[in-house]
Amino acid sequence: MTRLLLLCALVAATTALATNKDPVPSPKASPGFTRCYDRSDGGDPYVDLIDYQPDLSTIYFDNRVSSACQTGLWFYYSETDYNNRAGGYVYWMHGIEYCGVFPSTFDNMASSIRFGGSPYLLNEDSFTLYAGESFTGDEFWSYKNEPDLTYIANRGSSLVITGQSAWTFYSELNYCGHSVCVYPSTDHDVSPDGSDRLDLGLFPSISSTGLASDSVSSAAKGCYSRTVVKAAPLKASERKANGASGLIEL
């Protein structure tokens, strides 16, 4: 199942002006939410996003993001269209009601933004394959068995897992060929009040699972392989109980 790439939805307005006293919505409001500030200390102006934004210039916020408060897993790209045609940087942030200041090397550099994981539930069991390494380019998202990964088959170069289930990936269609079972073991974020959690497995390069890059053709929910891999935590600039963030240079 592919995720529909919708235009960015803004909670307040195209460019929302407010004060930093406005509360950031909880996971009950939306499984994915980010408030992007023009300043490192918050305040106005800011934009609220609950969906993909492939080009921040269309909402007059290109190269302006200095900090963010968010729920879910979000990727901030230095180029438009999720660094589909260029190198650059990817800044990742995940957590629940988690806020962070962008490092100087990525301050005022974001040109596109999207979230990873389910558009329906914060911690739904799901996987996302990306055509480029470090979560760039085209993607394929699913919450169920996929005997044929269609347009992303033999193109997947990086991987995100959310929820608590393991997933098994196969080098051939219909769950055949070389296989590897992967677990969401990168981080386990817990909301400040302890009522919500977000479990993640982040693989910037799918080769770290033991599968060759661009060799995944089918996937099944659960662990059905003798080869079992757990995701290692990414190098983070900050890691807290309710979230973490870090920068990847492509």
Protein backbone atom coordinates (compact mmCIF):
# COMPACT_ATOMS: atom_id res chain seq x y z
CA MET A 1 0.00 0.00 0.00
CA THR A 2 1.44 3.30 -0.98
CA ARG A 3 0.87 6.43 0.97
CA LEU A 4 -0.87 9.24 -0.86
CA LEU A 5 1.45 12.20 -1.18
CA LEU A 6 -0.89 14.99 -0.22
CA LEU A 7 -0.21 18.66 -0.29
CA CYS A 8 0.85 20.17 3.02
CA ALA A 9 -1.99 20.86 5.41
CA LEU A 10 -1.49 23.77 7.75
CA VAL A 11 -3.31 23.74 11.04
CA ALA A 12 -3.72 27.49 11.40
CA ALA A 13 -2.87 29.14 8.07
CA THR A 14 -0.32 29.08 5.29
CA THR A 15 2.05 31.05 7.47
CA ALA A 16 0.80 31.09 11.03
CA LEU A 17 1.77 33.90 13.34
CA ALA A 18 1.51 33.16 17.04
CA THR A 19 3.43 33.15 20.27
CA ASN A 20 5.59 30.42 21.74
CA LYS A 21 3.00 30.03 24.50
CA ASP A 22 0.69 28.16 22.12
CA PRO A 23 0.66 24.47 23.08
CA VAL A 24 1.97 21.82 20.69
CA PRO A 25 -0.84 19.32 19.95
CA SER A 26 -0.59 15.94 21.65
CA PRO A 27 -0.48 12.59 19.78
CA LYS A 28 -4.26 12.46 20.17
CA ALA A 29 -4.58 15.42 17.80
CA SER A 30 -2.53 13.90 14.97
CA PRO A 31 -0.14 10.93 14.62
CA GLY A 32 2.31 13.24 12.88
CA PHE A 33 2.74 16.94 13.61
CA THR A 34 5.58 19.43 13.45
CA ARG A 35 5.67 23.11 14.33
CA CYS A 36 8.60 24.71 12.50
CA TYR A 37 9.94 27.97 13.88
CA ASP A 38 11.85 30.68 12.09
CA ARG A 39 13.83 31.31 15.28
CA SER A 40 15.87 29.02 17.50
CA ASP A 41 13.97 30.17 20.59
CA GLY A 42 10.53 29.60 19.07
CA GLY A 43 7.92 32.31 18.82
CA ASP A 44 6.61 33.72 15.56
CA PRO A 45 6.59 33.23 12.70
CA TYR A 46 6.05 29.50 12.47
CA VAL A 47 4.27 26.95 10.29
CA ASP A 48 2.32 23.89 11.43
CA LEU A 49 2.56 20.82 9.20
CA ILE A 50 0.65 17.55 9.41
CA ASP A 51 1.60 16.25 5.97
CA TYR A 52 4.35 16.26 3.36
CA GLN A 53 5.77 19.50 2.00
CA PRO A 54 8.03 18.85 -1.02
CA ASP A 55 8.90 22.52 -1.53
CA LEU A 56 8.86 24.94 1.39
CA SER A 57 9.12 27.93 -0.94
CA THR A 58 5.45 27.42 -1.85
CA ILE A 59 4.52 28.40 1.70
CA TYR A 60 7.26 31.04 2.00
CA PHE A 61 9.29 29.05 4.52
CA ASP A 62 12.23 27.83 2.44
CA ASN A 63 15.58 28.03 4.24
CA ARG A 64 13.94 29.50 7.34
CA VAL A 65 13.54 26.67 9.86
CA SER A 66 15.74 27.03 12.95
CA SER A 67 13.87 24.86 15.48
CA ALA A 68 10.84 22.61 15.73
CA CYS A 69 8.45 21.02 18.20
CA GLN A 70 6.89 17.81 16.98
CA THR A 71 5.26 14.44 17.48
CA GLY A 72 6.22 11.49 15.29
CA LEU A 73 9.20 10.89 13.02
CA TRP A 74 10.08 13.79 10.71
CA PHE A 75 12.79 14.31 8.11
CA TYR A 76 13.99 17.78 7.12
CA TYR A 77 15.84 17.92 3.79
CA SER A 78 18.25 20.54 2.52
CA GLU A 79 16.88 20.20 -1.04
CA THR A 80 13.38 20.17 -2.50
CA ASP A 81 11.58 16.90 -3.25
CA TYR A 82 13.27 15.15 -0.32
CA ASN A 83 16.78 15.34 -1.82
CA ASN A 84 15.59 13.21 -4.72
CA ARG A 85 18.09 14.64 -7.19
CA ALA A 86 20.90 15.97 -5.03
CA GLY A 87 23.18 15.30 -2.07
CA GLY A 88 23.09 17.73 0.82
CA TYR A 89 21.80 17.02 4.32
CA VAL A 90 18.97 15.21 6.07
CA TYR A 91 18.06 16.28 9.59
CA TRP A 92 15.95 13.73 11.45
CA MET A 93 13.85 14.26 14.55
CA HIS A 94 11.55 11.82 16.29
CA GLY A 95 9.65 11.88 19.53
CA ILE A 96 6.45 12.76 21.31
CA GLU A 97 5.96 16.43 22.15
CA TYR A 98 9.68 16.77 21.50
CA CYS A 99 11.39 20.08 20.72
CA GLY A 100 14.84 20.69 19.31
CA VAL A 101 17.07 23.42 17.90
CA PHE A 102 18.69 22.76 14.53
CA PRO A 103 22.51 22.70 14.55
CA SER A 104 24.41 25.56 12.93
CA THR A 105 25.30 23.31 9.98
CA PHE A 106 21.59 22.94 9.17
CA ASP A 107 20.16 26.20 10.44
CA ASN A 108 17.94 27.90 7.83
CA MET A 109 18.60 25.11 5.31
CA ALA A 110 15.42 22.98 5.15
CA SER A 111 13.72 23.05 1.74
CA SER A 112 11.37 20.05 2.06
CA ILE A 113 9.85 18.10 4.94
CA ARG A 114 8.00 14.81 5.37
CA PHE A 115 7.17 12.37 8.12
CA GLY A 116 7.99 8.68 8.39
CA GLY A 117 5.64 5.95 9.58
CA SER A 118 1.87 5.70 9.65
CA PRO A 119 -0.42 8.58 8.67
CA TYR A 120 -3.16 7.01 10.82
CA LEU A 121 -1.70 5.92 14.17
CA LEU A 122 1.39 7.15 15.98
CA ASN A 123 2.89 3.73 16.73
CA GLU A 124 1.23 1.58 14.08
CA ASP A 125 3.27 -1.42 12.91
CA SER A 126 4.56 -0.38 9.50
CA PHE A 127 7.58 -0.12 7.24
CA THR A 128 8.75 2.43 4.70
CA LEU A 129 11.30 1.72 1.99
CA TYR A 130 13.11 4.65 0.39
CA ALA A 131 14.73 4.63 -3.03
CA GLY A 132 17.68 6.69 -1.78
CA GLU A 133 19.96 6.16 1.18
CA SER A 134 19.31 8.15 4.36
CA PHE A 135 15.55 8.25 3.73
CA THR A 136 15.67 10.26 0.50
CA GLY A 137 13.80 10.02 -2.79
CA ASP A 138 10.73 7.94 -3.62
CA GLU A 139 9.12 5.79 -0.94
CA PHE A 140 6.79 2.84 -0.39
CA TRP A 141 4.85 2.61 2.88
CA SER A 142 2.81 -0.36 4.15
CA TYR A 143 1.32 -1.87 7.30
CA LYS A 144 0.74 -5.38 5.86
CA ASN A 145 2.33 -8.25 3.95
CA GLU A 146 3.53 -7.24 0.50
CA PRO A 147 4.33 -10.11 -1.90
CA ASP A 148 5.33 -7.58 -4.57
CA LEU A 149 6.79 -4.19 -3.70
CA THR A 150 5.87 -2.99 -7.20
CA TYR A 151 7.61 0.27 -8.14
CA ILE A 152 10.08 0.14 -5.23
CA ALA A 153 11.05 -3.53 -5.77
CA ASN A 154 14.82 -3.77 -6.19
CA ARG A 155 15.07 -0.03 -5.56
CA GLY A 156 14.98 0.22 -1.77
CA SER A 157 18.15 1.70 -0.29
CA SER A 158 17.03 2.72 3.22
CA LEU A 159 14.35 1.63 5.65
CA VAL A 160 12.14 2.85 8.50
CA ILE A 161 10.16 0.59 10.82
CA THR A 162 7.59 1.85 13.31
CA GLY A 163 5.62 -0.01 15.97
CA GLN A 164 6.63 -3.09 17.90
CA SER A 165 6.45 -5.82 15.25
CA ALA A 166 9.41 -7.31 13.44
CA TRP A 167 9.37 -7.45 9.63
CA THR A 168 10.98 -9.90 7.23
CA PHE A 169 12.31 -8.67 3.91
CA TYR A 170 13.03 -10.91 0.93
CA SER A 171 15.25 -10.53 -2.11
CA GLU A 172 12.63 -12.07 -4.42
CA LEU A 173 8.91 -11.73 -5.01
CA ASN A 174 6.38 -13.76 -3.00
CA TYR A 175 8.60 -14.11 0.09
CA CYS A 176 11.36 -16.05 -1.65
CA GLY A 177 15.12 -15.74 -1.90
CA HIS A 178 17.49 -14.39 0.71
CA SER A 179 15.69 -13.03 3.78
CA VAL A 180 16.39 -10.99 6.88
CA CYS A 181 14.26 -10.26 9.94
CA VAL A 182 14.57 -6.75 11.37
CA TYR A 183 13.32 -5.27 14.63
CA PRO A 184 12.38 -1.70 15.63
CA SER A 185 15.24 -1.25 18.08
CA THR A 186 16.69 2.19 17.29
CA ASP A 187 14.70 4.17 19.85
CA HIS A 188 11.66 3.84 22.10
CA ASP A 189 10.27 7.30 22.78
CA VAL A 190 7.83 7.83 25.64
CA SER A 191 5.57 10.88 25.99
CA PRO A 192 6.21 13.22 28.94
CA ASP A 193 3.10 11.92 30.73
CA GLY A 194 3.97 8.29 29.97
CA SER A 195 0.74 7.56 28.13
CA ASP A 196 2.13 7.22 24.56
CA ARG A 197 5.17 5.67 22.96
CA LEU A 198 6.89 5.51 19.59
CA ASP A 199 9.08 2.54 18.64
CA LEU A 200 11.48 2.93 15.73
CA GLY A 201 13.95 1.07 13.59
CA LEU A 202 16.01 3.36 11.35
CA PHE A 203 18.33 1.99 8.67
CA PRO A 204 19.96 4.81 6.64
CA SER A 205 21.49 2.09 4.44
CA ILE A 206 19.62 -1.14 3.92
CA SER A 207 22.94 -2.91 3.45
CA SER A 208 23.34 -2.72 7.23
CA THR A 209 20.62 -5.38 7.47
CA GLY A 210 22.70 -7.84 5.45
CA LEU A 211 20.63 -7.38 2.30
CA ALA A 212 22.31 -5.80 -0.68
CA SER A 213 21.14 -2.33 -1.60
CA ASP A 214 18.33 -2.38 -4.17
CA SER A 215 17.62 -6.06 -3.55
CA VAL A 216 14.32 -6.09 -1.61
CA SER A 217 11.28 -7.36 -3.55
CA SER A 218 8.75 -8.49 -0.92
CA ALA A 219 8.04 -8.08 2.81
CA ALA A 220 6.07 -9.89 5.51
CA LYS A 221 4.97 -8.78 8.96
CA GLY A 222 6.66 -10.92 11.61
CA CYS A 223 10.01 -12.68 11.92
CA TYR A 224 10.44 -15.62 9.51
CA SER A 225 14.16 -15.63 8.87
CA ARG A 226 17.11 -17.20 10.65
CA THR A 227 18.99 -13.96 10.01
CA VAL A 228 17.88 -11.46 12.64
CA VAL A 229 19.09 -7.86 12.73
CA LYS A 230 18.36 -5.09 15.21
CA ALA A 231 18.76 -1.45 14.24
CA ALA A 232 21.55 0.42 15.98
CA PRO A 233 20.81 3.93 17.32
CA LEU A 234 21.77 6.68 14.90
CA LYS A 235 24.42 9.19 15.89
CA ALA A 236 22.35 11.84 17.63
CA SER A 237 23.04 15.43 18.56
CA GLU A 238 20.51 14.98 21.36
CA ARG A 239 18.68 11.99 22.82
CA LYS A 240 16.00 12.23 25.53
CA ALA A 241 13.34 9.91 26.89
CA ASN A 242 10.71 11.50 24.65
CA GLY A 243 12.78 11.98 21.48
CA ALA A 244 16.06 12.40 19.63
CA SER A 245 17.53 14.29 16.68
CA GLY A 246 20.58 14.24 14.45
CA LEU A 247 22.10 15.27 11.14
CA ILE A 248 23.12 13.08 8.20
CA GLU A 249 25.43 14.43 5.51
CA LEU A 250 24.86 12.71 2.18
